[in-house]
């Protein structure tokens, strides 16, 4: 399983062109869904108008060189290390899920298009990274779902309570979980491969097809919002927020751990 390309093995029963077409459709759904989300919610319009208004209230001009420096800092801190999360467990879970998903998606595309059949041997590193990426998503995602979610950890609700906001994380976990099970069954020659392949494709379609109603597109908005916040602090506008208090906020107490998200 760690060394075999599941998509190449699938070519024995399904033409590689079918899976390649499916991946292209998923990419189109991501682009189309994100654009629909931006247009429908007018988030981009609000973002740029808010940024323009904030600039007029700034106390100093931020040059292009400083903006580039702030963009690099945003990429290094908020994007690559998720430093906006104060809770260490939430931050680690997010990083596991994020880097696992990136490895999972990239290796999927490479294996489907670059090594679609056993006739073209797949480098062992690709299926290995695909499996590790899926396992990282499961580790971070299930940890978040059962132990870290605010409505579960802080509000005492059941971890099996589902609302519409959970569509993204549930479809993501279902996709990687069914994908791992399908790959394992196919590698071992066990039964039920077709069933879990169908569940895998169904969950993946839900993941990428539900972007206008899920939190998927927030991964594109968060870096821009983080950059805007840094620029607002640099030019003095502070997004119309007051300056920090003289005394730092005291979180938690000696007897109870803080639960600030």
Protein backbone atom coordinates (compact mmCIF):
# COMPACT_ATOMS: atom_id res chain seq x y z
CA UNK A 1 0.00 0.00 0.00
CA UNK A 2 2.84 2.42 0.84
CA UNK A 3 4.73 1.51 -2.33
CA UNK A 4 2.04 0.84 -4.94
CA UNK A 5 0.19 3.43 -7.00
CA UNK A 6 -3.52 2.66 -6.44
CA UNK A 7 -4.54 4.61 -9.54
CA UNK A 8 -2.18 2.61 -11.78
CA UNK A 9 -3.63 -0.64 -10.43
CA UNK A 10 -7.11 0.72 -11.06
CA UNK A 11 -6.29 1.03 -14.76
CA UNK A 12 -6.79 -2.73 -15.08
CA UNK A 13 -10.56 -2.20 -14.71
CA UNK A 14 -11.09 1.49 -15.49
CA UNK A 15 -9.45 3.48 -18.27
CA UNK A 16 -6.90 6.04 -17.00
CA UNK A 17 -8.73 8.64 -19.08
CA UNK A 18 -11.74 8.26 -16.81
CA UNK A 19 -9.79 9.13 -13.66
CA UNK A 20 -7.94 11.92 -15.45
CA UNK A 21 -11.24 13.41 -16.59
CA UNK A 22 -12.58 13.10 -13.06
CA UNK A 23 -9.59 14.99 -11.62
CA UNK A 24 -10.01 17.76 -14.21
CA UNK A 25 -13.69 18.05 -13.26
CA UNK A 26 -12.73 18.33 -9.59
CA UNK A 27 -10.27 21.13 -10.44
CA UNK A 28 -13.01 22.94 -12.37
CA UNK A 29 -15.35 22.54 -9.39
CA UNK A 30 -12.73 24.10 -7.08
CA UNK A 31 -12.17 27.10 -9.37
CA UNK A 32 -15.85 27.54 -10.23
CA UNK A 33 -17.02 27.02 -6.66
CA UNK A 34 -14.52 29.52 -5.27
CA UNK A 35 -15.46 32.14 -7.87
CA UNK A 36 -19.16 31.56 -7.19
CA UNK A 37 -18.52 31.88 -3.46
CA UNK A 38 -16.66 35.17 -3.99
CA UNK A 39 -19.34 36.61 -6.29
CA UNK A 40 -22.35 35.36 -4.33
CA UNK A 41 -21.09 36.46 -0.90
CA UNK A 42 -19.36 39.56 -2.35
CA UNK A 43 -16.43 38.77 -0.08
CA UNK A 44 -13.79 40.07 -2.49
CA UNK A 45 -15.72 43.34 -2.98
CA UNK A 46 -16.05 43.79 0.77
CA UNK A 47 -12.40 42.92 1.33
CA UNK A 48 -11.02 45.48 -1.15
CA UNK A 49 -13.46 48.20 -0.09
CA UNK A 50 -12.56 47.62 3.54
CA UNK A 51 -8.85 47.74 2.69
CA UNK A 52 -9.32 50.99 0.72
CA UNK A 53 -11.22 52.64 3.59
CA UNK A 54 -8.60 51.50 6.11
CA UNK A 55 -5.80 53.05 4.03
CA UNK A 56 -7.49 56.47 4.17
CA UNK A 57 -7.39 56.31 7.99
CA UNK A 58 -3.76 55.29 8.23
CA UNK A 59 -1.24 57.51 9.98
CA UNK A 60 1.65 56.62 7.65
CA UNK A 61 2.20 55.43 4.10
CA UNK A 62 3.28 51.82 3.61
CA UNK A 63 5.60 51.47 0.61
CA UNK A 64 5.58 48.64 -1.89
CA UNK A 65 8.81 47.21 -0.48
CA UNK A 66 7.31 47.07 3.00
CA UNK A 67 4.16 45.41 1.63
CA UNK A 68 6.32 42.72 0.02
CA UNK A 69 8.11 42.22 3.34
CA UNK A 70 4.77 41.94 5.14
CA UNK A 71 3.58 39.42 2.51
CA UNK A 72 6.67 37.28 3.12
CA UNK A 73 6.06 37.45 6.88
CA UNK A 74 2.43 36.47 6.34
CA UNK A 75 3.42 33.47 4.25
CA UNK A 76 6.05 32.38 6.77
CA UNK A 77 3.96 32.87 9.90
CA UNK A 78 0.21 32.70 9.24
CA UNK A 79 0.32 30.40 6.20
CA UNK A 80 3.19 27.97 6.81
CA UNK A 81 2.97 27.74 10.61
CA UNK A 82 -0.67 28.78 11.32
CA UNK A 83 0.53 31.14 14.03
CA UNK A 84 -2.93 32.75 14.29
CA UNK A 85 -4.00 29.80 16.46
CA UNK A 86 -3.21 30.52 20.10
CA UNK A 87 -4.28 27.06 21.22
CA UNK A 88 -1.33 24.70 20.63
CA UNK A 89 -3.46 21.59 20.08
CA UNK A 90 -5.66 23.35 17.53
CA UNK A 91 -2.59 24.68 15.75
CA UNK A 92 -0.92 21.25 15.54
CA UNK A 93 -4.13 19.61 14.33
CA UNK A 94 -4.53 22.29 11.67
CA UNK A 95 -0.94 21.89 10.47
CA UNK A 96 -1.27 18.10 10.28
CA UNK A 97 -4.45 18.43 8.24
CA UNK A 98 -3.10 21.19 5.99
CA UNK A 99 0.22 19.62 5.09
CA UNK A 100 -1.35 16.19 4.82
CA UNK A 101 -4.00 17.51 2.42
CA UNK A 102 -1.41 19.31 0.28
CA UNK A 103 0.71 16.13 -0.02
CA UNK A 104 -2.40 14.03 -0.67
CA UNK A 105 -3.73 16.26 -3.47
CA UNK A 106 -0.40 16.90 -5.21
CA UNK A 107 0.61 13.22 -5.27
CA UNK A 108 -2.86 12.24 -6.47
CA UNK A 109 -2.58 14.56 -9.48
CA UNK A 110 0.98 13.41 -10.27
CA UNK A 111 0.10 9.70 -10.08
CA UNK A 112 -3.14 10.02 -12.06
CA UNK A 113 -1.55 11.99 -14.92
CA UNK A 114 2.12 11.02 -14.78
CA UNK A 115 1.93 7.32 -13.92
CA UNK A 116 -1.57 6.17 -14.94
CA UNK A 117 -0.68 2.52 -15.68
CA UNK A 118 1.80 -0.10 -14.41
CA UNK A 119 3.59 0.25 -17.77
CA UNK A 120 5.10 3.46 -16.39
CA UNK A 121 6.62 2.51 -13.01
CA UNK A 122 5.68 4.91 -10.25
CA UNK A 123 8.49 6.23 -8.01
CA UNK A 124 7.97 4.75 -4.56
CA UNK A 125 8.06 8.18 -2.96
CA UNK A 126 4.74 9.18 -4.56
CA UNK A 127 2.42 6.47 -3.13
CA UNK A 128 4.33 6.75 0.15
CA UNK A 129 3.66 10.50 0.36
CA UNK A 130 0.06 9.91 -0.76
CA UNK A 131 -0.52 7.47 2.09
CA UNK A 132 1.33 9.56 4.67
CA UNK A 133 -0.59 12.66 3.58
CA UNK A 134 -3.93 10.87 3.95
CA UNK A 135 -2.91 9.56 7.39
CA UNK A 136 -1.89 13.07 8.49
CA UNK A 137 -5.29 14.39 7.41
CA UNK A 138 -6.98 11.62 9.40
CA UNK A 139 -4.81 12.30 12.44
CA UNK A 140 -5.35 16.05 12.47
CA UNK A 141 -8.96 15.89 11.29
CA UNK A 142 -10.26 13.28 13.70
CA UNK A 143 -8.34 14.87 16.57
CA UNK A 144 -10.03 18.17 15.78
CA UNK A 145 -13.46 16.61 15.31
CA UNK A 146 -13.61 14.60 18.53
CA UNK A 147 -11.49 16.63 20.95
CA UNK A 148 -10.78 20.21 19.83
CA UNK A 149 -13.95 21.62 18.27
CA UNK A 150 -15.24 24.54 20.32
CA UNK A 151 -18.80 23.20 20.55
CA UNK A 152 -17.42 19.90 21.85
CA UNK A 153 -14.41 20.88 24.01
CA UNK A 154 -15.75 24.16 25.42
CA UNK A 155 -19.54 23.90 25.11
CA UNK A 156 -20.01 20.24 25.95
CA UNK A 157 -21.98 19.24 22.85
CA UNK A 158 -21.81 15.72 21.46
CA UNK A 159 -18.99 15.10 18.93
CA UNK A 160 -21.62 13.43 16.74
CA UNK A 161 -23.68 16.63 16.45
CA UNK A 162 -23.51 17.82 12.83
CA UNK A 163 -24.31 21.25 11.39
CA UNK A 164 -23.79 22.69 7.91
CA UNK A 165 -20.48 24.27 8.91
CA UNK A 166 -19.11 20.74 9.37
CA UNK A 167 -19.55 19.88 5.67
CA UNK A 168 -15.94 20.60 4.75
CA UNK A 169 -14.18 18.66 7.51
CA UNK A 170 -16.57 15.70 7.27
CA UNK A 171 -16.30 15.38 3.49
CA UNK A 172 -12.51 15.73 3.73
CA UNK A 173 -12.25 13.01 6.37
CA UNK A 174 -14.61 10.77 4.41
CA UNK A 175 -12.56 11.25 1.23
CA UNK A 176 -9.19 10.35 2.73
CA UNK A 177 -10.61 7.57 4.92
CA UNK A 178 -12.42 5.81 2.09
CA UNK A 179 -9.39 6.41 -0.14
CA UNK A 180 -7.09 4.69 2.33
CA UNK A 181 -9.48 1.76 2.75
CA UNK A 182 -9.87 1.41 -1.02
CA UNK A 183 -6.10 1.51 -1.59
CA UNK A 184 -5.53 -1.08 1.16
CA UNK A 185 -8.18 -3.47 -0.16
CA UNK A 186 -6.88 -3.12 -3.71
CA UNK A 187 -3.26 -3.72 -2.64
CA UNK A 188 -4.18 -6.82 -0.63
CA UNK A 189 -6.64 -8.19 -3.20
CA UNK A 190 -9.48 -8.27 -0.66
CA UNK A 191 -13.14 -7.91 -1.54
CA UNK A 192 -15.20 -4.73 -1.41
CA UNK A 193 -12.77 -2.71 -3.51
CA UNK A 194 -15.48 -1.42 -5.85
CA UNK A 195 -17.71 -0.39 -2.95
CA UNK A 196 -15.04 1.71 -1.26
CA UNK A 197 -13.90 3.13 -4.60
CA UNK A 198 -17.45 4.37 -5.11
CA UNK A 199 -17.59 5.82 -1.59
CA UNK A 200 -14.19 7.44 -2.15
CA UNK A 201 -15.30 9.13 -5.36
CA UNK A 202 -18.63 10.15 -3.84
CA UNK A 203 -16.98 11.75 -0.79
CA UNK A 204 -14.36 13.47 -2.97
CA UNK A 205 -17.06 14.85 -5.24
CA UNK A 206 -18.90 16.18 -2.20
CA UNK A 207 -15.68 17.76 -0.90
CA UNK A 208 -14.89 19.68 -4.09
CA UNK A 209 -18.46 20.16 -5.27
CA UNK A 210 -19.76 21.74 -2.08
CA UNK A 211 -17.35 24.68 -1.97
CA UNK A 212 -20.09 27.37 -2.13
CA UNK A 213 -21.66 25.88 1.02
CA UNK A 214 -18.56 24.78 2.95
CA UNK A 215 -15.42 26.34 4.43
CA UNK A 216 -13.15 25.07 1.65
CA UNK A 217 -12.59 28.46 0.04
CA UNK A 218 -11.49 30.02 3.34
CA UNK A 219 -8.01 28.62 2.68
CA UNK A 220 -7.74 31.17 -0.14
CA UNK A 221 -9.19 34.08 1.87
CA UNK A 222 -7.20 33.64 5.09
CA UNK A 223 -3.77 34.63 3.69
CA UNK A 224 -5.24 37.79 2.13
CA UNK A 225 -7.00 38.70 5.38
CA UNK A 226 -3.81 38.07 7.38
CA UNK A 227 -1.82 40.32 5.01
CA UNK A 228 -4.44 43.06 5.25
CA UNK A 229 -4.23 42.89 9.05
CA UNK A 230 -0.45 43.29 8.99
CA UNK A 231 -0.69 46.24 6.60
CA UNK A 232 -3.37 47.86 8.77
CA UNK A 233 -1.10 47.57 11.80
CA UNK A 234 1.85 48.95 9.84
CA UNK A 235 0.01 52.03 8.50
CA UNK A 236 -1.63 52.78 11.86
CA UNK A 237 -5.25 52.30 10.77
CA UNK A 238 -5.52 49.05 12.81
CA UNK A 239 -8.79 48.19 10.99
CA UNK A 240 -10.57 50.75 13.19
CA UNK A 241 -9.64 48.79 16.33
CA UNK A 242 -8.29 50.46 19.50
CA UNK A 243 -4.65 50.18 20.46
CA UNK A 244 -3.61 47.34 22.80
CA UNK A 245 -4.23 47.85 26.52
CA UNK A 246 -1.28 48.63 28.77
CA UNK A 247 -1.76 45.37 30.70
CA UNK A 248 -1.83 42.08 28.82
CA UNK A 249 -5.04 40.08 28.92
CA UNK A 250 -4.98 37.36 31.56
CA UNK A 251 -6.16 34.07 30.11
CA UNK A 252 -7.35 31.28 32.37
CA UNK A 253 -6.33 30.86 35.98
CA UNK A 254 -4.07 28.76 38.15
CA UNK A 255 -6.81 26.16 38.51
CA UNK A 256 -8.27 26.04 35.02
CA UNK A 257 -6.64 25.88 31.59
CA UNK A 258 -7.64 28.66 29.20
CA UNK A 259 -10.00 27.75 26.39
CA UNK A 260 -9.68 30.76 24.11
CA UNK A 261 -10.09 30.09 20.41
